[in-house]
């Protein structure tokens, strides 16, 4: 009596290679330069990141200390291309706040036709709709509040 073998005769076939998927996505979205992320943007983003000391601004508002991964346009470039290089439209965010909180607030603003409120909601959490208010603060909140008062 032989024991059946469950080995494959060859490696599994993968559809498109990763490079091909990226190229297809770029054809649909456009390249980063076509979307407005050129050399001018890179210089501005690097300067802004230095000005916030490489820290996520949303984490600081909540009383935590985290590195920022993304310099984000609060009002998206697709909606207001004139504000692409406007420093007052920028926010430094960590990956989780950029892909979580910011995306949800942006979706809410689109549904309620309140895109112009995004910079106010992002920079001043107390003005946000109730679903996006900060309910719990971290251990560094008092320290960060003291720094803000000294700057003013």
N, C-alpha and C. Protein backbone atom coordinates (compact mmCIF):
# COMPACT_ATOMS: atom_id res chain seq x y z
N UNK A 1 0.83 -1.16 0.00
CA UNK A 1 0.00 0.00 0.00
C UNK A 1 0.89 1.24 0.00
N UNK A 2 0.61 2.14 -0.90
CA UNK A 2 1.41 3.37 -0.98
C UNK A 2 0.62 4.53 -0.37
N UNK A 3 1.37 5.45 0.17
CA UNK A 3 0.76 6.64 0.75
C UNK A 3 0.69 7.70 -0.34
N UNK A 4 -0.48 8.31 -0.54
CA UNK A 4 -0.60 9.31 -1.61
C UNK A 4 0.24 10.54 -1.29
N UNK A 5 0.80 11.11 -2.31
CA UNK A 5 1.62 12.31 -2.17
C UNK A 5 0.79 13.53 -2.56
N UNK A 6 0.97 14.61 -1.83
CA UNK A 6 0.23 15.82 -2.13
C UNK A 6 1.15 16.91 -2.66
N UNK A 7 2.27 16.53 -3.20
CA UNK A 7 3.19 17.50 -3.76
C UNK A 7 2.71 17.98 -5.11
N UNK A 8 3.01 19.22 -5.39
CA UNK A 8 2.69 19.76 -6.71
C UNK A 8 3.80 19.37 -7.67
N UNK A 9 3.44 19.26 -8.91
CA UNK A 9 4.46 18.93 -9.90
C UNK A 9 5.28 20.17 -10.27
N UNK A 10 4.73 21.35 -10.06
CA UNK A 10 5.47 22.58 -10.35
C UNK A 10 5.01 23.68 -9.39
N UNK A 11 5.71 24.78 -9.39
CA UNK A 11 5.35 25.89 -8.52
C UNK A 11 4.01 26.48 -8.95
N UNK A 12 3.25 27.03 -8.01
CA UNK A 12 1.96 27.61 -8.39
C UNK A 12 2.15 28.81 -9.29
N UNK A 13 1.21 28.96 -10.20
CA UNK A 13 1.28 30.08 -11.14
C UNK A 13 0.76 31.34 -10.46
N UNK A 14 1.53 32.37 -10.52
CA UNK A 14 1.09 33.66 -9.99
C UNK A 14 0.64 34.48 -11.17
N UNK A 15 -0.39 35.27 -10.97
CA UNK A 15 -0.92 36.10 -12.06
C UNK A 15 0.12 37.09 -12.54
N UNK A 16 -0.11 38.33 -12.33
CA UNK A 16 0.82 39.37 -12.76
C UNK A 16 1.92 39.52 -11.71
N UNK A 17 3.07 39.90 -12.16
CA UNK A 17 4.16 40.16 -11.24
C UNK A 17 3.90 41.48 -10.54
N UNK A 18 4.55 41.70 -9.39
CA UNK A 18 4.31 42.92 -8.61
C UNK A 18 4.59 44.17 -9.42
N UNK A 19 5.65 44.18 -10.20
CA UNK A 19 5.98 45.34 -11.01
C UNK A 19 4.89 45.67 -12.02
N UNK A 20 4.27 44.63 -12.59
CA UNK A 20 3.20 44.85 -13.55
C UNK A 20 1.98 45.46 -12.89
N UNK A 21 1.68 45.01 -11.64
CA UNK A 21 0.54 45.57 -10.92
C UNK A 21 0.75 47.04 -10.64
N UNK A 22 1.95 47.42 -10.24
CA UNK A 22 2.24 48.82 -9.95
C UNK A 22 2.07 49.66 -11.20
N UNK A 23 2.57 49.18 -12.33
CA UNK A 23 2.45 49.94 -13.58
C UNK A 23 0.99 50.12 -13.98
N UNK A 24 0.16 49.09 -13.82
CA UNK A 24 -1.25 49.20 -14.15
C UNK A 24 -1.93 50.24 -13.26
N UNK A 25 -1.58 50.21 -11.97
CA UNK A 25 -2.16 51.17 -11.03
C UNK A 25 -1.74 52.59 -11.40
N UNK A 26 -0.48 52.78 -11.80
CA UNK A 26 0.00 54.11 -12.18
C UNK A 26 -0.70 54.61 -13.44
N UNK A 27 -1.00 53.70 -14.37
CA UNK A 27 -1.73 54.13 -15.57
C UNK A 27 -3.11 54.66 -15.19
N UNK A 28 -3.72 54.05 -14.20
CA UNK A 28 -5.05 54.46 -13.77
C UNK A 28 -5.00 55.75 -12.95
N UNK A 29 -4.07 55.84 -11.98
CA UNK A 29 -3.97 57.00 -11.10
C UNK A 29 -3.12 58.11 -11.67
N UNK A 30 -2.20 57.77 -12.54
CA UNK A 30 -1.21 58.73 -13.00
C UNK A 30 0.04 58.61 -12.12
N UNK A 31 1.17 59.00 -12.64
CA UNK A 31 2.40 58.90 -11.86
C UNK A 31 2.38 59.94 -10.75
N UNK A 32 3.31 59.83 -9.80
CA UNK A 32 3.33 60.79 -8.70
C UNK A 32 3.61 62.21 -9.20
N UNK A 33 4.40 62.35 -10.25
CA UNK A 33 4.65 63.68 -10.81
C UNK A 33 3.39 64.24 -11.45
N UNK A 34 2.62 63.39 -12.13
CA UNK A 34 1.37 63.84 -12.75
C UNK A 34 0.33 64.24 -11.70
N UNK A 35 0.41 63.63 -10.51
CA UNK A 35 -0.52 63.97 -9.45
C UNK A 35 -0.05 65.16 -8.63
N UNK A 36 1.12 65.75 -8.96
CA UNK A 36 1.56 66.98 -8.30
C UNK A 36 2.66 66.80 -7.27
N UNK A 37 3.22 65.60 -7.16
CA UNK A 37 4.27 65.35 -6.17
C UNK A 37 5.64 65.39 -6.86
N UNK A 38 6.05 66.59 -7.22
CA UNK A 38 7.30 66.80 -7.94
C UNK A 38 8.39 67.28 -6.98
N UNK A 39 9.47 67.82 -7.52
CA UNK A 39 10.60 68.27 -6.72
C UNK A 39 10.20 69.40 -5.76
N UNK A 40 9.38 70.33 -6.22
CA UNK A 40 8.93 71.42 -5.34
C UNK A 40 8.21 70.86 -4.11
N UNK A 41 7.36 69.86 -4.33
CA UNK A 41 6.63 69.24 -3.23
C UNK A 41 7.59 68.54 -2.27
N UNK A 42 8.57 67.82 -2.80
CA UNK A 42 9.52 67.11 -1.96
C UNK A 42 10.29 68.06 -1.06
N UNK A 43 10.69 69.21 -1.59
CA UNK A 43 11.42 70.20 -0.80
C UNK A 43 10.52 70.76 0.30
N UNK A 44 9.28 71.12 -0.05
CA UNK A 44 8.34 71.65 0.93
C UNK A 44 8.04 70.62 2.01
N UNK A 45 7.82 69.38 1.61
CA UNK A 45 7.50 68.33 2.58
C UNK A 45 8.67 68.08 3.54
N UNK A 46 9.88 68.07 3.02
CA UNK A 46 11.06 67.87 3.88
C UNK A 46 11.22 69.03 4.86
N UNK A 47 10.99 70.24 4.38
CA UNK A 47 11.07 71.42 5.24
C UNK A 47 10.00 71.38 6.34
N UNK A 48 8.79 70.99 5.96
CA UNK A 48 7.70 70.92 6.93
C UNK A 48 7.98 69.83 7.97
N UNK A 49 8.50 68.70 7.52
CA UNK A 49 8.81 67.61 8.44
C UNK A 49 9.86 68.04 9.46
N UNK A 50 10.87 68.81 9.00
CA UNK A 50 11.88 69.34 9.93
C UNK A 50 11.24 70.31 10.92
N UNK A 51 10.31 71.13 10.45
CA UNK A 51 9.70 72.12 11.33
C UNK A 51 8.86 71.50 12.45
N UNK A 52 8.31 70.31 12.22
CA UNK A 52 7.55 69.62 13.27
C UNK A 52 8.40 68.56 13.97
N UNK A 53 9.70 68.61 13.71
CA UNK A 53 10.68 67.71 14.35
C UNK A 53 10.40 66.24 14.05
N UNK A 54 9.78 65.97 12.90
CA UNK A 54 9.54 64.59 12.47
C UNK A 54 8.50 63.87 13.31
N UNK A 55 7.63 64.61 14.01
CA UNK A 55 6.65 63.99 14.89
C UNK A 55 5.25 64.09 14.29
N UNK A 56 4.46 63.05 14.54
CA UNK A 56 3.07 63.04 14.09
C UNK A 56 2.30 64.10 14.88
N UNK A 57 1.68 65.03 14.17
CA UNK A 57 0.97 66.11 14.85
C UNK A 57 -0.29 65.62 15.55
N UNK A 58 -0.96 64.63 14.98
CA UNK A 58 -2.18 64.10 15.62
C UNK A 58 -1.82 63.36 16.90
N UNK A 59 -0.73 62.62 16.91
CA UNK A 59 -0.30 61.95 18.14
C UNK A 59 0.03 62.98 19.22
N UNK A 60 0.69 64.08 18.83
CA UNK A 60 1.00 65.14 19.80
C UNK A 60 -0.28 65.76 20.37
N UNK A 61 -1.28 65.97 19.53
CA UNK A 61 -2.54 66.52 20.02
C UNK A 61 -3.18 65.61 21.05
N UNK A 62 -2.93 64.31 20.92
CA UNK A 62 -3.51 63.33 21.83
C UNK A 62 -2.63 63.05 23.03
N UNK A 63 -1.38 63.55 23.01
CA UNK A 63 -0.49 63.35 24.14
C UNK A 63 0.45 62.17 24.00
N UNK A 64 0.75 61.79 22.78
CA UNK A 64 1.68 60.69 22.52
C UNK A 64 2.81 61.20 21.64
N UNK A 65 3.87 60.43 21.56
CA UNK A 65 5.02 60.81 20.75
C UNK A 65 5.27 59.72 19.72
N UNK A 66 5.12 60.05 18.45
CA UNK A 66 5.27 59.09 17.36
C UNK A 66 5.89 59.80 16.15
N UNK A 67 6.70 59.07 15.40
CA UNK A 67 7.29 59.64 14.18
C UNK A 67 6.23 59.80 13.10
N UNK A 68 6.37 60.84 12.29
CA UNK A 68 5.44 60.99 11.16
C UNK A 68 5.99 60.23 9.96
N UNK A 69 5.09 59.63 9.23
CA UNK A 69 5.45 58.89 8.02
C UNK A 69 5.03 59.64 6.77
N UNK A 70 4.01 60.51 6.89
CA UNK A 70 3.40 61.15 5.73
C UNK A 70 3.22 62.63 6.01
N UNK A 71 3.56 63.45 5.03
CA UNK A 71 3.17 64.86 5.07
C UNK A 71 1.92 64.93 4.19
N UNK A 72 0.80 65.24 4.83
CA UNK A 72 -0.50 65.12 4.19
C UNK A 72 -1.08 66.49 3.85
N UNK A 73 -1.78 66.56 2.71
CA UNK A 73 -2.57 67.74 2.39
C UNK A 73 -3.91 67.58 3.11
N UNK A 74 -4.25 68.52 3.98
CA UNK A 74 -5.52 68.40 4.69
C UNK A 74 -6.68 68.48 3.71
N UNK A 75 -6.67 69.47 2.82
CA UNK A 75 -7.63 69.50 1.72
C UNK A 75 -6.91 68.85 0.53
N UNK A 76 -7.39 67.72 0.04
CA UNK A 76 -6.67 66.97 -0.99
C UNK A 76 -6.37 67.80 -2.25
N UNK A 77 -5.26 67.50 -2.88
CA UNK A 77 -4.83 68.19 -4.10
C UNK A 77 -5.86 68.01 -5.21
N UNK A 78 -6.48 66.86 -5.27
CA UNK A 78 -7.48 66.61 -6.31
C UNK A 78 -8.67 67.56 -6.18
N UNK A 79 -8.98 67.99 -4.97
CA UNK A 79 -10.11 68.88 -4.75
C UNK A 79 -9.75 70.35 -4.85
N UNK A 80 -8.51 70.70 -4.49
CA UNK A 80 -8.09 72.10 -4.53
C UNK A 80 -6.62 72.17 -4.96
N UNK A 81 -6.34 72.09 -6.27
CA UNK A 81 -4.96 72.04 -6.75
C UNK A 81 -4.15 73.30 -6.43
N UNK A 82 -4.82 74.44 -6.22
CA UNK A 82 -4.08 75.67 -5.91
C UNK A 82 -3.39 75.60 -4.56
N UNK A 83 -3.87 74.75 -3.66
CA UNK A 83 -3.29 74.65 -2.31
C UNK A 83 -2.23 73.56 -2.21
N UNK A 84 -1.75 73.09 -3.37
CA UNK A 84 -0.76 72.01 -3.39
C UNK A 84 0.50 72.36 -2.63
N UNK A 85 1.00 73.58 -2.78
CA UNK A 85 2.23 74.00 -2.11
C UNK A 85 1.96 75.00 -0.98
N UNK A 86 0.73 75.02 -0.48
CA UNK A 86 0.35 75.90 0.62
C UNK A 86 0.72 75.24 1.95
N UNK A 87 1.63 75.87 2.66
CA UNK A 87 2.12 75.31 3.91
C UNK A 87 1.02 75.18 4.97
N UNK A 88 0.02 76.06 4.93
CA UNK A 88 -1.06 76.00 5.91
C UNK A 88 -2.02 74.84 5.64
N UNK A 89 -1.84 74.14 4.53
CA UNK A 89 -2.68 73.00 4.19
C UNK A 89 -2.00 71.67 4.52
N UNK A 90 -0.85 71.72 5.21
CA UNK A 90 -0.09 70.50 5.48
C UNK A 90 -0.26 70.04 6.92
N UNK A 91 -0.15 68.73 7.09
CA UNK A 91 -0.22 68.10 8.40
C UNK A 91 0.70 66.89 8.37
N UNK A 92 1.54 66.73 9.39
CA UNK A 92 2.43 65.58 9.48
C UNK A 92 1.72 64.49 10.27
N UNK A 93 1.57 63.31 9.67
CA UNK A 93 0.82 62.23 10.30
C UNK A 93 1.60 60.93 10.27
N UNK A 94 1.36 60.09 11.28
CA UNK A 94 1.89 58.73 11.25
C UNK A 94 0.99 57.91 10.32
N UNK A 95 1.43 56.72 10.00
CA UNK A 95 0.70 55.87 9.05
C UNK A 95 -0.72 55.58 9.54
N UNK A 96 -0.88 55.26 10.82
CA UNK A 96 -2.21 54.88 11.31
C UNK A 96 -3.18 56.07 11.30
N UNK A 97 -2.72 57.27 11.63
CA UNK A 97 -3.62 58.42 11.59
C UNK A 97 -3.92 58.86 10.16
N UNK A 98 -2.96 58.71 9.25
CA UNK A 98 -3.20 59.11 7.86
C UNK A 98 -4.21 58.17 7.20
N UNK A 99 -4.03 56.87 7.41
CA UNK A 99 -4.90 55.90 6.75
C UNK A 99 -6.16 55.57 7.55
N UNK A 100 -6.26 56.05 8.79
CA UNK A 100 -7.43 55.79 9.59
C UNK A 100 -8.25 57.04 9.81
N UNK A 101 -7.84 57.82 10.79
CA UNK A 101 -8.59 59.02 11.17
C UNK A 101 -8.77 59.99 10.01
N UNK A 102 -7.70 60.35 9.34
CA UNK A 102 -7.78 61.35 8.27
C UNK A 102 -8.70 60.88 7.15
N UNK A 103 -8.61 59.62 6.81
CA UNK A 103 -9.45 59.08 5.74
C UNK A 103 -10.94 59.13 6.13
N UNK A 104 -11.24 58.80 7.38
CA UNK A 104 -12.63 58.84 7.83
C UNK A 104 -13.16 60.27 7.89
N UNK A 105 -12.34 61.20 8.40
CA UNK A 105 -12.77 62.60 8.45
C UNK A 105 -12.98 63.13 7.04
N UNK A 106 -12.08 62.77 6.13
CA UNK A 106 -12.20 63.22 4.74
C UNK A 106 -13.47 62.67 4.09
N UNK A 107 -13.77 61.40 4.32
CA UNK A 107 -15.00 60.82 3.79
C UNK A 107 -16.23 61.53 4.34
N UNK A 108 -16.21 61.82 5.64
CA UNK A 108 -17.32 62.54 6.27
C UNK A 108 -17.48 63.93 5.66
N UNK A 109 -16.36 64.63 5.45
CA UNK A 109 -16.40 65.98 4.88
C UNK A 109 -16.95 65.94 3.45
N UNK A 110 -16.60 64.92 2.68
CA UNK A 110 -17.13 64.80 1.31
C UNK A 110 -18.64 64.59 1.33
N UNK A 111 -19.10 63.71 2.23
CA UNK A 111 -20.53 63.42 2.29
C UNK A 111 -21.34 64.64 2.72
N UNK A 112 -20.76 65.47 3.59
CA UNK A 112 -21.50 66.64 4.11
C UNK A 112 -21.13 67.93 3.37
N UNK A 113 -20.37 67.83 2.28
CA UNK A 113 -19.92 69.00 1.51
C UNK A 113 -19.21 70.02 2.39
N UNK A 114 -18.30 69.55 3.24
CA UNK A 114 -17.59 70.43 4.17
C UNK A 114 -16.08 70.29 4.03
N UNK A 115 -15.58 70.13 2.80
CA UNK A 115 -14.14 69.96 2.60
C UNK A 115 -13.34 71.16 3.11
N UNK A 116 -13.92 72.36 3.05
CA UNK A 116 -13.20 73.54 3.52
C UNK A 116 -13.01 73.53 5.03
N UNK A 117 -13.73 72.66 5.74
CA UNK A 117 -13.59 72.54 7.19
C UNK A 117 -12.44 71.62 7.61
N UNK A 118 -11.89 70.85 6.69
CA UNK A 118 -10.85 69.88 7.03
C UNK A 118 -9.66 70.50 7.76
N UNK A 119 -9.08 71.62 7.29
CA UNK A 119 -7.94 72.18 8.04
C UNK A 119 -8.31 72.58 9.47
N UNK A 120 -9.51 73.09 9.66
CA UNK A 120 -9.94 73.48 11.00
C UNK A 120 -10.12 72.25 11.87
N UNK A 121 -10.78 71.22 11.35
CA UNK A 121 -10.99 70.00 12.12
C UNK A 121 -9.68 69.30 12.45
N UNK A 122 -8.73 69.29 11.51
CA UNK A 122 -7.48 68.58 11.76
C UNK A 122 -6.60 69.32 12.78
N UNK A 123 -6.51 70.64 12.70
CA UNK A 123 -5.63 71.39 13.59
C UNK A 123 -6.27 71.67 14.95
N UNK A 124 -7.60 71.70 15.03
CA UNK A 124 -8.31 72.00 16.28
C UNK A 124 -9.30 70.88 16.59
N UNK A 125 -8.85 69.85 17.30
CA UNK A 125 -9.72 68.68 17.54
C UNK A 125 -11.03 69.01 18.26
N UNK A 126 -11.06 70.09 19.03
CA UNK A 126 -12.30 70.43 19.75
C UNK A 126 -13.41 70.89 18.82
N UNK A 127 -13.07 71.26 17.57
CA UNK A 127 -14.09 71.70 16.61
C UNK A 127 -14.62 70.56 15.74
N UNK A 128 -14.07 69.38 15.90
CA UNK A 128 -14.47 68.24 15.06
C UNK A 128 -15.89 67.78 15.40
N UNK A 129 -16.54 67.12 14.43
CA UNK A 129 -17.82 66.49 14.74
C UNK A 129 -17.64 65.47 15.86
N UNK A 130 -18.68 65.22 16.59
CA UNK A 130 -18.61 64.40 17.81
C UNK A 130 -17.98 63.02 17.57
N UNK A 131 -18.19 62.44 16.42
CA UNK A 131 -17.64 61.10 16.13
C UNK A 131 -16.12 61.11 16.05
N UNK A 132 -15.51 62.27 15.86
CA UNK A 132 -14.06 62.36 15.70
C UNK A 132 -13.37 63.08 16.85
N UNK A 133 -14.09 63.38 17.92
CA UNK A 133 -13.50 64.06 19.07
C UNK A 133 -12.52 63.12 19.76
N UNK A 134 -11.51 63.70 20.41
CA UNK A 134 -10.53 62.91 21.16
C UNK A 134 -11.11 62.66 22.55
N UNK A 135 -11.28 61.39 22.90
CA UNK A 135 -11.88 61.04 24.18
C UNK A 135 -10.84 60.68 25.23
N UNK A 136 -9.66 60.24 24.79
CA UNK A 136 -8.65 59.78 25.73
C UNK A 136 -7.32 60.43 25.37
N UNK A 137 -6.64 61.00 26.36
CA UNK A 137 -5.36 61.65 26.13
C UNK A 137 -4.24 60.83 26.75
N UNK A 138 -3.05 60.96 26.17
CA UNK A 138 -1.89 60.23 26.63
C UNK A 138 -1.14 60.95 27.74
N UNK A 139 -0.07 60.35 28.21
CA UNK A 139 0.67 60.88 29.36
C UNK A 139 1.44 62.17 29.08
N UNK A 140 1.68 62.52 27.83
CA UNK A 140 2.47 63.70 27.50
C UNK A 140 1.61 64.92 27.15
N UNK A 141 0.30 64.81 27.28
CA UNK A 141 -0.60 65.89 26.89
C UNK A 141 -0.28 67.20 27.62
N UNK A 142 -0.08 67.15 28.93
CA UNK A 142 0.21 68.36 29.71
C UNK A 142 1.53 68.98 29.27
N UNK A 143 2.52 68.16 28.98
CA UNK A 143 3.82 68.66 28.52
C UNK A 143 3.69 69.37 27.18
N UNK A 144 2.95 68.77 26.23
CA UNK A 144 2.78 69.37 24.91
C UNK A 144 1.94 70.64 25.00
N UNK A 145 0.94 70.67 25.88
CA UNK A 145 0.14 71.88 26.05
C UNK A 145 1.00 73.03 26.57
N UNK A 146 1.93 72.73 27.46
CA UNK A 146 2.83 73.75 27.99
C UNK A 146 3.72 74.33 26.90
N UNK A 147 4.17 73.50 25.97
CA UNK A 147 4.99 73.97 24.85
C UNK A 147 4.20 74.89 23.95
N UNK A 148 2.91 74.57 23.72
CA UNK A 148 2.07 75.41 22.85
C UNK A 148 1.83 76.77 23.47
N UNK A 149 1.66 76.82 24.79
CA UNK A 149 1.44 78.11 25.45
C UNK A 149 2.69 78.98 25.39
N UNK A 150 3.88 78.37 25.48
CA UNK A 150 5.12 79.12 25.42
C UNK A 150 5.34 79.73 24.04
N UNK A 151 4.93 79.02 22.99
CA UNK A 151 5.08 79.54 21.62
C UNK A 151 4.19 80.75 21.38
N UNK A 152 3.00 80.74 21.97
CA UNK A 152 2.02 81.82 21.73
C UNK A 152 2.34 83.09 22.47
